[in-house]
Amino acid sequence: MQSASSAPLLDPPHYGRLLICASLAVFAAAMVGILLRPIGYLSVFWPANQIALVLLVRYPRLLRPLGLLALFASFVAADLLTGTSLRLSAGFSTANLFGAVCGWLILRRQSERDLQMEGQYSALQVFFASGVAALASACIGGPVSAWAFELSLIQGLLQQATRPGDT
């Protein structure tokens, strides 16, 4: 029997509950970003990628296929609800999720101390992971932007890579 001092403070959530809560959080954040964007443009405030990244770092179980599908569906559902085509939504959602997973690949190797911003170089490590995530997302989102907004590939990549709201 565990003593009170050795018991975890919070039990990990049941996987089904985790999927629902994570999906709702990403969906709500995507809706905020979509509703704040100018019509016909990308949002400059996009918290959904950051929330997806934080959820992946905090709950690595979300990296299972069902978890990734749930997060992907949240991005797509927010887009479809606001009138974006399925093809465009799938492209941007793939970019968003790919960026979050790439950010996780960097952050998963960091100590808990660094993730809680207590180390000397913690901010630099988190900033680096965010930059990698943004560039990874731009590698997919750039061509999607170029196609959707009739831009050159370079313009599409720059548009995606320089969005301040991107992961």
Foldseek 3Di string as FASTA:
>chain_A
DDDPVPDDPDDDDDPVVLLVVLLVVLLVQLLVQVVQDDPPAGGLARCSLVSLLVSCLVPVVLVPPVSLVSNLVSQQVSCVVVPHDNVLSNQLSVLSSQLSVQLNVQVNPDDPCLVVVNDPCSVVSNVVSQLSSQLSSLVRQLVSQCVSVVHPSVVSSCSSSPRNNGD
